[in-house]
Amino acid sequence: MTAGLKTIIYPVKDIAKAKALFSALLQVDPYVDEAYYVGFKDAGQDVGLDPNGHAKGMTGPVPYWHVADIKGTLAGLLEAGAESLQEVQDVGGGRLIASVKDADGNLIGLLQDSSAEQRGN
């Protein structure tokens, strides 16, 4: 079971231009503003900009399903025929991400927050 799609990451070539565009669209300032990642929160949705996304195989926006057991979910997807694009990686604060590609080339991201964030603490 998932907690739904709450995060979408866009691969970008020019992070400054992308940040300006999404700031205008969402009409909020980023909550993370680093050279390696810019993140916005709006209406319960995380929108991220990744300047290294293309190099990681992202061909377009990647929706991230929030899961309680990222390793188990990833294993299940691989057993069901998905191709691994990014193994489980800690991106800070206990947040884990991974991604796969399905048989049709669709990208599927997985995200597991730290235990405290999952409990709402």
C-alpha atoms as a PDB file:
ATOM      1  CA  MET A   1       0.000   0.000   0.000  1.00  0.00           C
ATOM      2  CA  THR A   2       1.210   3.510  -0.765  1.00  0.00           C
ATOM      3  CA  ALA A   3       0.504   6.939   0.653  1.00  0.00           C
ATOM      4  CA  GLY A   4      -0.076   8.139  -2.906  1.00  0.00           C
ATOM      5  CA  LEU A   5       1.703  10.383  -5.355  1.00  0.00           C
ATOM      6  CA  LYS A   6       2.940  13.372  -3.410  1.00  0.00           C
ATOM      7  CA  THR A   7       6.200  14.218  -5.175  1.00  0.00           C
ATOM      8  CA  ILE A   8       7.158  14.903  -8.766  1.00  0.00           C
ATOM      9  CA  ILE A   9      10.713  15.610  -9.879  1.00  0.00           C
ATOM     10  CA  TYR A  10      11.536  17.382 -13.133  1.00  0.00           C
ATOM     11  CA  PRO A  11      14.940  16.971 -14.784  1.00  0.00           C
ATOM     12  CA  VAL A  12      16.151  20.442 -15.787  1.00  0.00           C
ATOM     13  CA  LYS A  13      19.094  21.751 -17.779  1.00  0.00           C
ATOM     14  CA  ASP A  14      19.076  25.303 -16.416  1.00  0.00           C
ATOM     15  CA  ILE A  15      18.088  25.285 -12.751  1.00  0.00           C
ATOM     16  CA  ALA A  16      17.887  29.094 -12.492  1.00  0.00           C
ATOM     17  CA  LYS A  17      15.418  29.340 -15.386  1.00  0.00           C
ATOM     18  CA  ALA A  18      13.410  26.374 -14.093  1.00  0.00           C
ATOM     19  CA  LYS A  19      13.304  27.870 -10.595  1.00  0.00           C
ATOM     20  CA  ALA A  20      11.978  31.164 -11.996  1.00  0.00           C
ATOM     21  CA  LEU A  21       9.333  29.335 -14.040  1.00  0.00           C
ATOM     22  CA  PHE A  22       8.075  27.160 -11.170  1.00  0.00           C
ATOM     23  CA  SER A  23       8.169  30.118  -8.752  1.00  0.00           C
ATOM     24  CA  ALA A  24       5.866  31.980 -11.181  1.00  0.00           C
ATOM     25  CA  LEU A  25       3.618  28.930 -11.625  1.00  0.00           C
ATOM     26  CA  LEU A  26       3.296  27.941  -7.977  1.00  0.00           C
ATOM     27  CA  GLN A  27       3.613  31.455  -6.542  1.00  0.00           C
ATOM     28  CA  VAL A  28       5.682  30.185  -3.610  1.00  0.00           C
ATOM     29  CA  ASP A  29       9.365  30.359  -2.742  1.00  0.00           C
ATOM     30  CA  PRO A  30      11.346  27.115  -2.736  1.00  0.00           C
ATOM     31  CA  TYR A  31      11.824  25.381   0.617  1.00  0.00           C
ATOM     32  CA  VAL A  32      15.111  23.945  -0.695  1.00  0.00           C
ATOM     33  CA  ASP A  33      17.279  26.071  -2.967  1.00  0.00           C
ATOM     34  CA  GLU A  34      20.611  24.392  -3.684  1.00  0.00           C
ATOM     35  CA  ALA A  35      22.725  23.991  -6.807  1.00  0.00           C
ATOM     36  CA  TYR A  36      21.902  20.261  -6.861  1.00  0.00           C
ATOM     37  CA  TYR A  37      18.139  20.517  -6.150  1.00  0.00           C
ATOM     38  CA  VAL A  38      15.344  23.062  -5.826  1.00  0.00           C
ATOM     39  CA  GLY A  39      12.153  21.987  -4.079  1.00  0.00           C
ATOM     40  CA  PHE A  40       8.745  23.602  -3.748  1.00  0.00           C
ATOM     41  CA  LYS A  41       5.750  22.661  -1.584  1.00  0.00           C
ATOM     42  CA  ASP A  42       2.309  23.659  -2.799  1.00  0.00           C
ATOM     43  CA  ALA A  43      -1.151  22.273  -2.007  1.00  0.00           C
ATOM     44  CA  GLY A  44       0.297  19.152  -0.366  1.00  0.00           C
ATOM     45  CA  GLN A  45       2.521  18.442  -3.369  1.00  0.00           C
ATOM     46  CA  ASP A  46       6.323  18.429  -3.523  1.00  0.00           C
ATOM     47  CA  VAL A  47       7.706  19.672  -6.836  1.00  0.00           C
ATOM     48  CA  GLY A  48      11.429  19.190  -7.329  1.00  0.00           C
ATOM     49  CA  LEU A  49      13.901  20.380  -9.949  1.00  0.00           C
ATOM     50  CA  ASP A  50      16.943  18.155 -10.512  1.00  0.00           C
ATOM     51  CA  PRO A  51      19.766  19.547 -12.697  1.00  0.00           C
ATOM     52  CA  ASN A  52      21.360  16.075 -12.735  1.00  0.00           C
ATOM     53  CA  GLY A  53      18.149  14.284 -13.697  1.00  0.00           C
ATOM     54  CA  HIS A  54      18.958  13.830 -17.380  1.00  0.00           C
ATOM     55  CA  ALA A  55      22.306  12.242 -16.487  1.00  0.00           C
ATOM     56  CA  LYS A  56      20.413   9.788 -14.220  1.00  0.00           C
ATOM     57  CA  GLY A  57      18.201   8.666 -17.111  1.00  0.00           C
ATOM     58  CA  MET A  58      15.186  10.865 -16.425  1.00  0.00           C
ATOM     59  CA  THR A  59      13.488  11.559 -19.755  1.00  0.00           C
ATOM     60  CA  GLY A  60      10.739  13.695 -18.251  1.00  0.00           C
ATOM     61  CA  PRO A  61       8.980  14.325 -14.954  1.00  0.00           C
ATOM     62  CA  VAL A  62       9.051  11.378 -12.550  1.00  0.00           C
ATOM     63  CA  PRO A  63       6.156  10.827 -10.142  1.00  0.00           C
ATOM     64  CA  TYR A  64       7.269   9.480  -6.773  1.00  0.00           C
ATOM     65  CA  TRP A  65       4.983   7.099  -4.908  1.00  0.00           C
ATOM     66  CA  HIS A  66       5.372   7.461  -1.141  1.00  0.00           C
ATOM     67  CA  VAL A  67       5.818   4.013   0.394  1.00  0.00           C
ATOM     68  CA  ALA A  68       6.456   2.615   3.873  1.00  0.00           C
ATOM     69  CA  ASP A  69       8.944  -0.081   2.732  1.00  0.00           C
ATOM     70  CA  ILE A  70      11.020   1.129  -0.198  1.00  0.00           C
ATOM     71  CA  LYS A  71      13.261  -1.949  -0.368  1.00  0.00           C
ATOM     72  CA  GLY A  72      10.304  -4.336  -0.354  1.00  0.00           C
ATOM     73  CA  THR A  73       8.380  -2.273  -2.902  1.00  0.00           C
ATOM     74  CA  LEU A  74      11.436  -2.014  -5.158  1.00  0.00           C
ATOM     75  CA  ALA A  75      11.993  -5.773  -4.958  1.00  0.00           C
ATOM     76  CA  GLY A  76       8.354  -6.395  -5.894  1.00  0.00           C
ATOM     77  CA  LEU A  77       8.581  -4.083  -8.905  1.00  0.00           C
ATOM     78  CA  LEU A  78      11.792  -5.749 -10.106  1.00  0.00           C
ATOM     79  CA  GLU A  79      10.193  -9.195  -9.714  1.00  0.00           C
ATOM     80  CA  ALA A  80       7.239  -7.934 -11.763  1.00  0.00           C
ATOM     81  CA  GLY A  81       9.558  -6.996 -14.648  1.00  0.00           C
ATOM     82  CA  ALA A  82      10.623  -3.415 -13.937  1.00  0.00           C
ATOM     83  CA  GLU A  83      14.154  -2.311 -14.803  1.00  0.00           C
ATOM     84  CA  SER A  84      16.150  -0.597 -12.060  1.00  0.00           C
ATOM     85  CA  LEU A  85      17.252   2.963 -12.855  1.00  0.00           C
ATOM     86  CA  GLN A  86      18.333   4.117  -9.400  1.00  0.00           C
ATOM     87  CA  GLU A  87      18.967   1.894  -6.413  1.00  0.00           C
ATOM     88  CA  VAL A  88      17.773   3.012  -2.988  1.00  0.00           C
ATOM     89  CA  GLN A  89      19.655   6.172  -2.046  1.00  0.00           C
ATOM     90  CA  ASP A  90      19.481   8.413   1.031  1.00  0.00           C
ATOM     91  CA  VAL A  91      19.043  11.997  -0.177  1.00  0.00           C
ATOM     92  CA  GLY A  92      19.249  13.525   3.289  1.00  0.00           C
ATOM     93  CA  GLY A  93      17.314  13.552   6.510  1.00  0.00           C
ATOM     94  CA  GLY A  94      16.517   9.852   6.240  1.00  0.00           C
ATOM     95  CA  ARG A  95      14.549  10.323   2.995  1.00  0.00           C
ATOM     96  CA  LEU A  96      15.152   7.386   0.650  1.00  0.00           C
ATOM     97  CA  ILE A  97      14.450   7.357  -3.080  1.00  0.00           C
ATOM     98  CA  ALA A  98      14.720   4.817  -5.897  1.00  0.00           C
ATOM     99  CA  SER A  99      13.362   4.575  -9.434  1.00  0.00           C
ATOM    100  CA  VAL A 100      12.518   1.987 -12.053  1.00  0.00           C
ATOM    101  CA  LYS A 101      11.299   1.843 -15.621  1.00  0.00           C
ATOM    102  CA  ASP A 102       8.365  -0.339 -16.619  1.00  0.00           C
ATOM    103  CA  ALA A 103       8.142  -2.395 -19.820  1.00  0.00           C
ATOM    104  CA  ASP A 104       6.663   0.599 -21.672  1.00  0.00           C
ATOM    105  CA  GLY A 105       9.483   2.927 -20.638  1.00  0.00           C
ATOM    106  CA  ASN A 106       7.452   4.782 -17.997  1.00  0.00           C
ATOM    107  CA  LEU A 107       9.471   6.003 -15.040  1.00  0.00           C
ATOM    108  CA  ILE A 108       8.254   5.178 -11.540  1.00  0.00           C
ATOM    109  CA  GLY A 109       9.825   6.777  -8.499  1.00  0.00           C
ATOM    110  CA  LEU A 110       9.635   5.477  -4.945  1.00  0.00           C
ATOM    111  CA  LEU A 111      10.097   7.630  -1.854  1.00  0.00           C
ATOM    112  CA  GLN A 112      10.266   6.617   1.781  1.00  0.00           C
ATOM    113  CA  ASP A 113      10.470   9.328   4.416  1.00  0.00           C
ATOM    114  CA  SER A 114      12.217   8.858   7.726  1.00  0.00           C
ATOM    115  CA  SER A 115      10.186   7.135  10.438  1.00  0.00           C
ATOM    116  CA  ALA A 116       9.538  10.430  12.241  1.00  0.00           C
ATOM    117  CA  GLU A 117       8.147  12.068   9.091  1.00  0.00           C
ATOM    118  CA  GLN A 118       5.967   9.037   8.340  1.00  0.00           C
ATOM    119  CA  ARG A 119       4.433   9.330  11.817  1.00  0.00           C
ATOM    120  CA  GLY A 120       3.860  13.046  11.272  1.00  0.00           C
ATOM    121  CA  ASN A 121       6.394  14.147  13.898  1.00  0.00           C
END
